[in-house]
Amino acid sequence: MAYDEGLSFRVEEILADTSAFIAKKMFGGIGYLFRGNMTCGVIQNALIVRLSQQDYQTALQKPNTRKFEMTGKEMRGWLLVDPDGTSDDNDLKNWINSALQFSATLPPK
């Protein structure tokens, strides 16, 4: 299934000032890797973000969020944010910045 190219464009605008990002098509969507680690992306019409376990648990309590599952298995630390949760540019930027903060703690690949 195609991914939301408008959302992808907005993500890329936010990441434009951050070096070391690579866009890569994956999971039928597009992922953004920071120093080789996937940080965020777009799958169908949702934003996917990678968060610390603490931030992940907190974020699951927010509206418009849900667990990311692949082949029926929960991918802990990965969160989907539905379109209503990213329609505001500041909300989108906050999600991406949270994912970037966590990715910055990971060793480069």
PDB file of N, CA and C in Angstrom:
ATOM      1  N   MET A   1       0.843  -1.179   0.000  1.00  0.00           N
ATOM      2  CA  MET A   1       0.000   0.000   0.000  1.00  0.00           C
ATOM      3  C   MET A   1       0.891   1.245   0.000  1.00  0.00           C
ATOM      4  N   ALA A   2       0.452   2.257  -0.674  1.00  0.00           N
ATOM      5  CA  ALA A   2       1.209   3.508  -0.763  1.00  0.00           C
ATOM      6  C   ALA A   2       1.215   4.225   0.585  1.00  0.00           C
ATOM      7  N   TYR A   3       2.208   5.066   0.761  1.00  0.00           N
ATOM      8  CA  TYR A   3       2.292   5.859   1.992  1.00  0.00           C
ATOM      9  C   TYR A   3       1.935   7.306   1.677  1.00  0.00           C
ATOM     10  N   ASP A   4       1.601   8.057   2.712  1.00  0.00           N
ATOM     11  CA  ASP A   4       1.181   9.449   2.583  1.00  0.00           C
ATOM     12  C   ASP A   4       2.397  10.317   2.229  1.00  0.00           C
ATOM     13  N   GLU A   5       2.497  10.684   0.960  1.00  0.00           N
ATOM     14  CA  GLU A   5       3.645  11.465   0.504  1.00  0.00           C
ATOM     15  C   GLU A   5       3.624  12.889   1.066  1.00  0.00           C
ATOM     16  N   GLY A   6       2.446  13.421   1.343  1.00  0.00           N
ATOM     17  CA  GLY A   6       2.356  14.745   1.958  1.00  0.00           C
ATOM     18  C   GLY A   6       2.965  14.748   3.351  1.00  0.00           C
ATOM     19  N   LEU A   7       2.660  13.716   4.131  1.00  0.00           N
ATOM     20  CA  LEU A   7       3.243  13.594   5.470  1.00  0.00           C
ATOM     21  C   LEU A   7       4.745  13.388   5.354  1.00  0.00           C
ATOM     22  N   SER A   8       5.159  12.584   4.411  1.00  0.00           N
ATOM     23  CA  SER A   8       6.584  12.351   4.203  1.00  0.00           C
ATOM     24  C   SER A   8       7.309  13.658   3.871  1.00  0.00           C
ATOM     25  N   PHE A   9       6.706  14.472   3.039  1.00  0.00           N
ATOM     26  CA  PHE A   9       7.296  15.767   2.684  1.00  0.00           C
ATOM     27  C   PHE A   9       7.440  16.644   3.929  1.00  0.00           C
ATOM     28  N   ARG A  10       6.424  16.662   4.773  1.00  0.00           N
ATOM     29  CA  ARG A  10       6.474  17.462   6.002  1.00  0.00           C
ATOM     30  C   ARG A  10       7.576  16.970   6.934  1.00  0.00           C
ATOM     31  N   VAL A  11       7.730  15.641   7.032  1.00  0.00           N
ATOM     32  CA  VAL A  11       8.802  15.069   7.855  1.00  0.00           C
ATOM     33  C   VAL A  11      10.153  15.511   7.308  1.00  0.00           C
ATOM     34  N   GLU A  12      10.323  15.425   5.999  1.00  0.00           N
ATOM     35  CA  GLU A  12      11.592  15.806   5.387  1.00  0.00           C
ATOM     36  C   GLU A  12      11.901  17.287   5.599  1.00  0.00           C
ATOM     37  N   GLU A  13      10.883  18.127   5.589  1.00  0.00           N
ATOM     38  CA  GLU A  13      11.110  19.552   5.873  1.00  0.00           C
ATOM     39  C   GLU A  13      11.654  19.748   7.287  1.00  0.00           C
ATOM     40  N   ILE A  14      11.115  19.007   8.242  1.00  0.00           N
ATOM     41  CA  ILE A  14      11.564  19.117   9.632  1.00  0.00           C
ATOM     42  C   ILE A  14      12.993  18.595   9.777  1.00  0.00           C
ATOM     43  N   LEU A  15      13.315  17.531   9.054  1.00  0.00           N
ATOM     44  CA  LEU A  15      14.643  16.926   9.151  1.00  0.00           C
ATOM     45  C   LEU A  15      15.697  17.628   8.299  1.00  0.00           C
ATOM     46  N   ALA A  16      15.286  18.585   7.497  1.00  0.00           N
ATOM     47  CA  ALA A  16      16.204  19.238   6.546  1.00  0.00           C
ATOM     48  C   ALA A  16      17.420  19.849   7.222  1.00  0.00           C
ATOM     49  N   ASP A  17      17.274  20.349   8.418  1.00  0.00           N
ATOM     50  CA  ASP A  17      18.390  20.991   9.121  1.00  0.00           C
ATOM     51  C   ASP A  17      19.223  20.010   9.944  1.00  0.00           C
ATOM     52  N   THR A  18      18.822  18.753   9.947  1.00  0.00           N
ATOM     53  CA  THR A  18      19.539  17.739  10.719  1.00  0.00           C
ATOM     54  C   THR A  18      20.390  16.907   9.767  1.00  0.00           C
ATOM     55  N   SER A  19      21.677  16.885  10.010  1.00  0.00           N
ATOM     56  CA  SER A  19      22.551  16.103   9.132  1.00  0.00           C
ATOM     57  C   SER A  19      22.502  14.631   9.530  1.00  0.00           C
ATOM     58  N   ALA A  20      23.029  13.807   8.680  1.00  0.00           N
ATOM     59  CA  ALA A  20      23.173  12.364   8.910  1.00  0.00           C
ATOM     60  C   ALA A  20      21.866  11.596   8.787  1.00  0.00           C
ATOM     61  N   PHE A  21      20.847  12.162   8.138  1.00  0.00           N
ATOM     62  CA  PHE A  21      19.618  11.420   7.897  1.00  0.00           C
ATOM     63  C   PHE A  21      19.615  10.846   6.496  1.00  0.00           C
ATOM     64  N   ILE A  22      19.092   9.640   6.374  1.00  0.00           N
ATOM     65  CA  ILE A  22      18.924   8.980   5.083  1.00  0.00           C
ATOM     66  C   ILE A  22      17.482   8.511   5.002  1.00  0.00           C
ATOM     67  N   ALA A  23      16.837   8.749   3.876  1.00  0.00           N
ATOM     68  CA  ALA A  23      15.485   8.233   3.634  1.00  0.00           C
ATOM     69  C   ALA A  23      15.614   6.901   2.916  1.00  0.00           C
ATOM     70  N   LYS A  24      14.822   5.914   3.339  1.00  0.00           N
ATOM     71  CA  LYS A  24      14.898   4.579   2.752  1.00  0.00           C
ATOM     72  C   LYS A  24      13.506   3.976   2.702  1.00  0.00           C
ATOM     73  N   LYS A  25      13.109   3.486   1.534  1.00  0.00           N
ATOM     74  CA  LYS A  25      11.809   2.836   1.424  1.00  0.00           C
ATOM     75  C   LYS A  25      11.869   1.489   2.135  1.00  0.00           C
ATOM     76  N   MET A  26      10.862   1.256   2.998  1.00  0.00           N
ATOM     77  CA  MET A  26      10.786   0.007   3.757  1.00  0.00           C
ATOM     78  C   MET A  26       9.371  -0.186   4.295  1.00  0.00           C
ATOM     79  N   PHE A  27       8.992  -1.414   4.524  1.00  0.00           N
ATOM     80  CA  PHE A  27       7.683  -1.762   5.090  1.00  0.00           C
ATOM     81  C   PHE A  27       6.531  -1.195   4.268  1.00  0.00           C
ATOM     82  N   GLY A  28       6.732  -0.975   2.989  1.00  0.00           N
ATOM     83  CA  GLY A  28       5.688  -0.371   2.166  1.00  0.00           C
ATOM     84  C   GLY A  28       5.539   1.112   2.413  1.00  0.00           C
ATOM     85  N   GLY A  29       6.483   1.689   3.126  1.00  0.00           N
ATOM     86  CA  GLY A  29       6.467   3.116   3.432  1.00  0.00           C
ATOM     87  C   GLY A  29       7.855   3.683   3.246  1.00  0.00           C
ATOM     88  N   ILE A  30       8.165   4.692   4.034  1.00  0.00           N
ATOM     89  CA  ILE A  30       9.490   5.297   3.986  1.00  0.00           C
ATOM     90  C   ILE A  30       9.983   5.504   5.408  1.00  0.00           C
ATOM     91  N   GLY A  31      11.246   5.143   5.618  1.00  0.00           N
ATOM     92  CA  GLY A  31      11.851   5.308   6.924  1.00  0.00           C
ATOM     93  C   GLY A  31      12.970   6.332   6.864  1.00  0.00           C
ATOM     94  N   TYR A  32      13.212   7.001   7.974  1.00  0.00           N
ATOM     95  CA  TYR A  32      14.285   7.979   8.075  1.00  0.00           C
ATOM     96  C   TYR A  32      15.271   7.474   9.114  1.00  0.00           C
ATOM     97  N   LEU A  33      16.494   7.274   8.658  1.00  0.00           N
ATOM     98  CA  LEU A  33      17.537   6.716   9.497  1.00  0.00           C
ATOM     99  C   LEU A  33      18.518   7.807   9.906  1.00  0.00           C
ATOM    100  N   PHE A  34      18.867   7.806  11.180  1.00  0.00           N
ATOM    101  CA  PHE A  34      19.863   8.719  11.716  1.00  0.00           C
ATOM    102  C   PHE A  34      21.062   7.887  12.145  1.00  0.00           C
ATOM    103  N   ARG A  35      22.195   8.126  11.558  1.00  0.00           N
ATOM    104  CA  ARG A  35      23.422   7.358  11.812  1.00  0.00           C
ATOM    105  C   ARG A  35      23.174   5.860  11.671  1.00  0.00           C
ATOM    106  N   GLY A  36      22.305   5.496  10.710  1.00  0.00           N
ATOM    107  CA  GLY A  36      22.032   4.092  10.419  1.00  0.00           C
ATOM    108  C   GLY A  36      20.905   3.476  11.216  1.00  0.00           C
ATOM    109  N   ASN A  37      20.359   4.173  12.187  1.00  0.00           N
ATOM    110  CA  ASN A  37      19.257   3.668  13.013  1.00  0.00           C
ATOM    111  C   ASN A  37      17.948   4.307  12.579  1.00  0.00           C
ATOM    112  N   MET A  38      16.935   3.472  12.336  1.00  0.00           N
ATOM    113  CA  MET A  38      15.648   4.044  11.976  1.00  0.00           C
ATOM    114  C   MET A  38      15.117   4.850  13.148  1.00  0.00           C
ATOM    115  N   THR A  39      14.686   6.071  12.833  1.00  0.00           N
ATOM    116  CA  THR A  39      14.227   7.012  13.844  1.00  0.00           C
ATOM    117  C   THR A  39      12.735   7.270  13.726  1.00  0.00           C
ATOM    118  N   CYS A  40      12.279   7.475  12.491  1.00  0.00           N
ATOM    119  CA  CYS A  40      10.879   7.743  12.245  1.00  0.00           C
ATOM    120  C   CYS A  40      10.578   7.379  10.797  1.00  0.00           C
ATOM    121  N   GLY A  41       9.319   7.473  10.434  1.00  0.00           N
ATOM    122  CA  GLY A  41       8.947   7.174   9.061  1.00  0.00           C
ATOM    123  C   GLY A  41       7.458   7.357   8.855  1.00  0.00           C
ATOM    124  N   VAL A  42       7.035   6.997   7.666  1.00  0.00           N
ATOM    125  CA  VAL A  42       5.623   7.079   7.308  1.00  0.00           C
ATOM    126  C   VAL A  42       5.202   5.720   6.760  1.00  0.00           C
ATOM    127  N   ILE A  43       4.179   5.160   7.365  1.00  0.00           N
ATOM    128  CA  ILE A  43       3.593   3.896   6.920  1.00  0.00           C
ATOM    129  C   ILE A  43       2.114   4.175   6.685  1.00  0.00           C
ATOM    130  N   GLN A  44       1.676   3.949   5.461  1.00  0.00           N
ATOM    131  CA  GLN A  44       0.321   4.301   5.041  1.00  0.00           C
ATOM    132  C   GLN A  44       0.079   5.776   5.343  1.00  0.00           C
ATOM    133  N   ASN A  45      -0.845   6.098   6.241  1.00  0.00           N
ATOM    134  CA  ASN A  45      -1.099   7.511   6.547  1.00  0.00           C
ATOM    135  C   ASN A  45      -0.658   7.892   7.957  1.00  0.00           C
ATOM    136  N   ALA A  46       0.153   7.040   8.580  1.00  0.00           N
ATOM    137  CA  ALA A  46       0.576   7.264   9.962  1.00  0.00           C
ATOM    138  C   ALA A  46       2.075   7.531  10.046  1.00  0.00           C
ATOM    139  N   LEU A  47       2.443   8.302  11.043  1.00  0.00           N
ATOM    140  CA  LEU A  47       3.841   8.523  11.385  1.00  0.00           C
ATOM    141  C   LEU A  47       4.260   7.392  12.309  1.00  0.00           C
ATOM    142  N   ILE A  48       5.445   6.853  12.093  1.00  0.00           N
ATOM    143  CA  ILE A  48       5.999   5.870  13.026  1.00  0.00           C
ATOM    144  C   ILE A  48       7.219   6.507  13.672  1.00  0.00           C
ATOM    145  N   VAL A  49       7.320   6.372  14.981  1.00  0.00           N
ATOM    146  CA  VAL A  49       8.454   6.930  15.715  1.00  0.00           C
ATOM    147  C   VAL A  49       9.028   5.870  16.644  1.00  0.00           C
ATOM    148  N   ARG A  50      10.328   5.972  16.851  1.00  0.00           N
ATOM    149  CA  ARG A  50      11.021   5.084  17.779  1.00  0.00           C
ATOM    150  C   ARG A  50      11.350   5.891  19.023  1.00  0.00           C
ATOM    151  N   LEU A  51      10.911   5.378  20.172  1.00  0.00           N
ATOM    152  CA  LEU A  51      11.056   6.106  21.438  1.00  0.00           C
ATOM    153  C   LEU A  51      11.719   5.235  22.485  1.00  0.00           C
ATOM    154  N   SER A  52      12.244   5.880  23.524  1.00  0.00           N
ATOM    155  CA  SER A  52      12.743   5.128  24.676  1.00  0.00           C
ATOM    156  C   SER A  52      11.563   4.389  25.302  1.00  0.00           C
ATOM    157  N   GLN A  53      11.843   3.373  26.081  1.00  0.00           N
ATOM    158  CA  GLN A  53      10.763   2.603  26.702  1.00  0.00           C
ATOM    159  C   GLN A  53       9.892   3.480  27.596  1.00  0.00           C
ATOM    160  N   GLN A  54      10.496   4.397  28.325  1.00  0.00           N
ATOM    161  CA  GLN A  54       9.727   5.289  29.197  1.00  0.00           C
ATOM    162  C   GLN A  54       8.835   6.208  28.358  1.00  0.00           C
ATOM    163  N   ASP A  55       9.402   6.831  27.345  1.00  0.00           N
ATOM    164  CA  ASP A  55       8.614   7.722  26.489  1.00  0.00           C
ATOM    165  C   ASP A  55       7.533   6.948  25.737  1.00  0.00           C
ATOM    166  N   TYR A  56       7.843   5.729  25.358  1.00  0.00           N
ATOM    167  CA  TYR A  56       6.881   4.881  24.645  1.00  0.00           C
ATOM    168  C   TYR A  56       5.646   4.630  25.509  1.00  0.00           C
ATOM    169  N   GLN A  57       5.857   4.256  26.753  1.00  0.00           N
ATOM    170  CA  GLN A  57       4.735   3.974  27.654  1.00  0.00           C
ATOM    171  C   GLN A  57       3.890   5.224  27.883  1.00  0.00           C
ATOM    172  N   THR A  58       4.542   6.363  28.044  1.00  0.00           N
ATOM    173  CA  THR A  58       3.829   7.630  28.234  1.00  0.00           C
ATOM    174  C   THR A  58       3.055   7.999  26.974  1.00  0.00           C
ATOM    175  N   ALA A  59       3.684   7.858  25.827  1.00  0.00           N
ATOM    176  CA  ALA A  59       3.069   8.248  24.555  1.00  0.00           C
ATOM    177  C   ALA A  59       1.850   7.397  24.221  1.00  0.00           C
ATOM    178  N   LEU A  60       1.851   6.149  24.643  1.00  0.00           N
ATOM    179  CA  LEU A  60       0.695   5.286  24.376  1.00  0.00           C
ATOM    180  C   LEU A  60      -0.578   5.790  25.046  1.00  0.00           C
ATOM    181  N   GLN A  61      -0.430   6.628  26.064  1.00  0.00           N
ATOM    182  CA  GLN A  61      -1.590   7.175  26.769  1.00  0.00           C
ATOM    183  C   GLN A  61      -2.166   8.394  26.051  1.00  0.00           C
ATOM    184  N   LYS A  62      -1.441   8.916  25.068  1.00  0.00           N
ATOM    185  CA  LYS A  62      -1.897  10.106  24.350  1.00  0.00           C
ATOM    186  C   LYS A  62      -2.898   9.725  23.270  1.00  0.00           C
ATOM    187  N   PRO A  63      -3.778  10.657  22.911  1.00  0.00           N
ATOM    188  CA  PRO A  63      -4.735  10.369  21.840  1.00  0.00           C
ATOM    189  C   PRO A  63      -4.013  10.203  20.499  1.00  0.00           C
ATOM    190  N   ASN A  64      -4.631   9.465  19.613  1.00  0.00           N
ATOM    191  CA  ASN A  64      -4.152   9.265  18.245  1.00  0.00           C
ATOM    192  C   ASN A  64      -2.865   8.458  18.150  1.00  0.00           C
ATOM    193  N   THR A  65      -2.551   7.670  19.172  1.00  0.00           N
ATOM    194  CA  THR A  65      -1.368   6.815  19.134  1.00  0.00           C
ATOM    195  C   THR A  65      -1.788   5.361  19.287  1.00  0.00           C
ATOM    196  N   ARG A  66      -0.949   4.494  18.758  1.00  0.00           N
ATOM    197  CA  ARG A  66      -1.200   3.051  18.904  1.00  0.00           C
ATOM    198  C   ARG A  66       0.108   2.301  18.744  1.00  0.00           C
ATOM    199  N   LYS A  67       0.101   1.084  19.233  1.00  0.00           N
ATOM    200  CA  LYS A  67       1.283   0.229  19.127  1.00  0.00           C
ATOM    201  C   LYS A  67       1.529  -0.130  17.665  1.00  0.00           C
ATOM    202  N   PHE A  68       2.782  -0.286  17.314  1.00  0.00           N
ATOM    203  CA  PHE A  68       3.149  -0.771  15.992  1.00  0.00           C
ATOM    204  C   PHE A  68       3.350  -2.273  16.097  1.00  0.00           C
ATOM    205  N   GLU A  69       2.647  -2.992  15.250  1.00  0.00           N
ATOM    206  CA  GLU A  69       2.770  -4.441  15.229  1.00  0.00           C
ATOM    207  C   GLU A  69       3.215  -4.881  13.847  1.00  0.00           C
ATOM    208  N   MET A  70       4.102  -5.854  13.825  1.00  0.00           N
ATOM    209  CA  MET A  70       4.566  -6.416  12.573  1.00  0.00           C
ATOM    210  C   MET A  70       4.380  -7.920  12.659  1.00  0.00           C
ATOM    211  N   THR A  71       3.693  -8.464  11.689  1.00  0.00           N
ATOM    212  CA  THR A  71       3.345  -9.889  11.651  1.00  0.00           C
ATOM    213  C   THR A  71       2.728 -10.349  12.971  1.00  0.00           C
ATOM    214  N   GLY A  72       1.853  -9.495  13.532  1.00  0.00           N
ATOM    215  CA  GLY A  72       1.123  -9.835  14.744  1.00  0.00           C
ATOM    216  C   GLY A  72       1.909  -9.677  16.032  1.00  0.00           C
ATOM    217  N   LYS A  73       3.137  -9.187  15.951  1.00  0.00           N
ATOM    218  CA  LYS A  73       3.965  -9.040  17.142  1.00  0.00           C
ATOM    219  C   LYS A  73       4.187  -7.555  17.430  1.00  0.00           C
ATOM    220  N   GLU A  74       3.969  -7.174  18.687  1.00  0.00           N
ATOM    221  CA  GLU A  74       4.190  -5.785  19.093  1.00  0.00           C
ATOM    222  C   GLU A  74       5.674  -5.461  19.030  1.00  0.00           C
ATOM    223  N   MET A  75       5.978  -4.356  18.397  1.00  0.00           N
ATOM    224  CA  MET A  75       7.355  -3.874  18.307  1.00  0.00           C
ATOM    225  C   MET A  75       7.514  -2.795  19.385  1.00  0.00           C
ATOM    226  N   ARG A  76       7.923  -3.221  20.579  1.00  0.00           N
ATOM    227  CA  ARG A  76       8.018  -2.307  21.707  1.00  0.00           C
ATOM    228  C   ARG A  76       8.995  -1.178  21.396  1.00  0.00           C
ATOM    229  N   GLY A  77       8.583   0.029  21.737  1.00  0.00           N
ATOM    230  CA  GLY A  77       9.387   1.206  21.472  1.00  0.00           C
ATOM    231  C   GLY A  77       9.021   1.896  20.157  1.00  0.00           C
ATOM    232  N   TRP A  78       8.233   1.216  19.347  1.00  0.00           N
ATOM    233  CA  TRP A  78       7.780   1.773  18.067  1.00  0.00           C
ATOM    234  C   TRP A  78       6.313   2.141  18.200  1.00  0.00           C
ATOM    235  N   LEU A  79       5.987   3.353  17.827  1.00  0.00           N
ATOM    236  CA  LEU A  79       4.652   3.881  18.018  1.00  0.00           C
ATOM    237  C   LEU A  79       4.132   4.464  16.711  1.00  0.00           C
ATOM    238  N   LEU A  80       2.869   4.207  16.422  1.00  0.00           N
ATOM    239  CA  LEU A  80       2.211   4.828  15.271  1.00  0.00           C
ATOM    240  C   LEU A  80       1.387   6.011  15.766  1.00  0.00           C
ATOM    241  N   VAL A  81       1.492   7.115  15.051  1.00  0.00           N
ATOM    242  CA  VAL A  81       0.715   8.305  15.368  1.00  0.00           C
ATOM    243  C   VAL A  81      -0.209   8.549  14.181  1.00  0.00           C
ATOM    244  N   ASP A  82      -1.501   8.478  14.430  1.00  0.00           N
ATOM    245  CA  ASP A  82      -2.493   8.640  13.372  1.00  0.00           C
ATOM    246  C   ASP A  82      -2.551  10.091  12.890  1.00  0.00           C
ATOM    247  N   PRO A  83      -3.146  10.326  11.719  1.00  0.00           N
ATOM    248  CA  PRO A  83      -3.145  11.663  11.110  1.00  0.00           C
ATOM    249  C   PRO A  83      -3.619  12.796  12.025  1.00  0.00           C
ATOM    250  N   ASP A  84      -4.610  12.554  12.862  1.00  0.00           N
ATOM    251  CA  ASP A  84      -5.068  13.623  13.764  1.00  0.00           C
ATOM    252  C   ASP A  84      -3.985  14.035  14.759  1.00  0.00           C
ATOM    253  N   GLY A  85      -3.040  13.160  15.016  1.00  0.00           N
ATOM    254  CA  GLY A  85      -1.954  13.472  15.941  1.00  0.00           C
ATOM    255  C   GLY A  85      -0.774  14.166  15.289  1.00  0.00           C
ATOM    256  N   THR A  86      -0.807  14.305  13.966  1.00  0.00           N
ATOM    257  CA  THR A  86       0.297  14.964  13.257  1.00  0.00           C
ATOM    258  C   THR A  86      -0.180  16.090  12.352  1.00  0.00           C
ATOM    259  N   SER A  87      -1.461  16.416  12.408  1.00  0.00           N
ATOM    260  CA  SER A  87      -1.989  17.455  11.518  1.00  0.00           C
ATOM    261  C   SER A  87      -1.415  18.833  11.833  1.00  0.00           C
ATOM    262  N   ASP A  88      -1.085  19.074  13.089  1.00  0.00           N
ATOM    263  CA  ASP A  88      -0.463  20.335  13.496  1.00  0.00           C
ATOM    264  C   ASP A  88       1.055  20.196  13.336  1.00  0.00           C
ATOM    265  N   ASP A  89       1.688  21.161  12.680  1.00  0.00           N
ATOM    266  CA  ASP A  89       3.128  21.090  12.431  1.00  0.00           C
ATOM    267  C   ASP A  89       3.942  21.007  13.716  1.00  0.00           C
ATOM    268  N   ASN A  90       3.509  21.695  14.761  1.00  0.00           N
ATOM    269  CA  ASN A  90       4.243  21.630  16.037  1.00  0.00           C
ATOM    270  C   ASN A  90       4.150  20.242  16.655  1.00  0.00           C
ATOM    271  N   ASP A  91       2.990  19.599  16.560  1.00  0.00           N
ATOM    272  CA  ASP A  91       2.847  18.237  17.077  1.00  0.00           C
ATOM    273  C   ASP A  91       3.764  17.282  16.310  1.00  0.00           C
ATOM    274  N   LEU A  92       3.774  17.417  14.988  1.00  0.00           N
ATOM    275  CA  LEU A  92       4.638  16.567  14.168  1.00  0.00           C
ATOM    276  C   LEU A  92       6.099  16.775  14.555  1.00  0.00           C
ATOM    277  N   LYS A  93       6.497  18.012  14.695  1.00  0.00           N
ATOM    278  CA  LYS A  93       7.879  18.319  15.064  1.00  0.00           C
ATOM    279  C   LYS A  93       8.227  17.732  16.431  1.00  0.00           C
ATOM    280  N   ASN A  94       7.304  17.807  17.384  1.00  0.00           N
ATOM    281  CA  ASN A  94       7.556  17.245  18.716  1.00  0.00           C
ATOM    282  C   ASN A  94       7.754  15.735  18.657  1.00  0.00           C
ATOM    283  N   TRP A  95       6.936  15.041  17.865  1.00  0.00           N
ATOM    284  CA  TRP A  95       7.093  13.590  17.722  1.00  0.00           C
ATOM    285  C   TRP A  95       8.459  13.261  17.127  1.00  0.00           C
ATOM    286  N   ILE A  96       8.832  13.983  16.083  1.00  0.00           N
ATOM    287  CA  ILE A  96      10.113  13.716  15.422  1.00  0.00           C
ATOM    288  C   ILE A  96      11.273  14.035  16.360  1.00  0.00           C
ATOM    289  N   ASN A  97      11.189  15.118  17.085  1.00  0.00           N
ATOM    290  CA  ASN A  97      12.258  15.469  18.029  1.00  0.00           C
ATOM    291  C   ASN A  97      12.392  14.431  19.138  1.00  0.00           C
ATOM    292  N   SER A  98      11.289  13.876  19.608  1.00  0.00           N
ATOM    293  CA  SER A  98      11.348  12.820  20.624  1.00  0.00           C
ATOM    294  C   SER A  98      12.051  11.586  20.079  1.00  0.00           C
ATOM    295  N   ALA A  99      11.731  11.230  18.841  1.00  0.00           N
ATOM    296  CA  ALA A  99      12.381  10.081  18.208  1.00  0.00           C
ATOM    297  C   ALA A  99      13.868  10.342  17.986  1.00  0.00           C
ATOM    298  N   LEU A 100      14.188  11.554  17.587  1.00  0.00           N
ATOM    299  CA  LEU A 100      15.588  11.915  17.357  1.00  0.00           C
ATOM    300  C   LEU A 100      16.391  11.874  18.656  1.00  0.00           C
ATOM    301  N   GLN A 101      15.801  12.336  19.743  1.00  0.00           N
ATOM    302  CA  GLN A 101      16.495  12.295  21.041  1.00  0.00           C
ATOM    303  C   GLN A 101      16.873  10.873  21.402  1.00  0.00           C
ATOM    304  N   PHE A 102      15.944   9.935  21.184  1.00  0.00           N
ATOM    305  CA  PHE A 102      16.262   8.550  21.507  1.00  0.00           C
ATOM    306  C   PHE A 102      17.306   7.995  20.552  1.00  0.00           C
ATOM    307  N   SER A 103      17.159   8.241  19.267  1.00  0.00           N
ATOM    308  CA  SER A 103      18.106   7.708  18.280  1.00  0.00           C
ATOM    309  C   SER A 103      19.525   8.217  18.535  1.00  0.00           C
ATOM    310  N   ALA A 104      19.629   9.414  19.054  1.00  0.00           N
ATOM    311  CA  ALA A 104      20.954   9.979  19.330  1.00  0.00           C
ATOM    312  C   ALA A 104      21.692   9.205  20.427  1.00  0.00           C
ATOM    313  N   THR A 105      20.956   8.420  21.240  1.00  0.00           N
ATOM    314  CA  THR A 105      21.587   7.623  22.300  1.00  0.00           C
ATOM    315  C   THR A 105      22.091   6.278  21.780  1.00  0.00           C
ATOM    316  N   LEU A 106      21.703   5.913  20.561  1.00  0.00           N
ATOM    317  CA  LEU A 106      22.083   4.607  20.003  1.00  0.00           C
ATOM    318  C   LEU A 106      23.426   4.697  19.292  1.00  0.00           C
ATOM    319  N   PRO A 107      24.199   3.606  19.318  1.00  0.00           N
ATOM    320  CA  PRO A 107      25.468   3.625  18.594  1.00  0.00           C
ATOM    321  C   PRO A 107      25.210   3.635  17.083  1.00  0.00           C
ATOM    322  N   PRO A 108      26.082   4.307  16.327  1.00  0.00           N
ATOM    323  CA  PRO A 108      25.909   4.319  14.869  1.00  0.00           C
ATOM    324  C   PRO A 108      26.028   2.912  14.304  1.00  0.00           C
ATOM    325  N   LYS A 109      25.353   2.689  13.191  1.00  0.00           N
ATOM    326  CA  LYS A 109      25.447   1.385  12.510  1.00  0.00           C
ATOM    327  C   LYS A 109      26.274   1.559  11.257  1.00  0.00           C
TER     328      LYS A 109
END
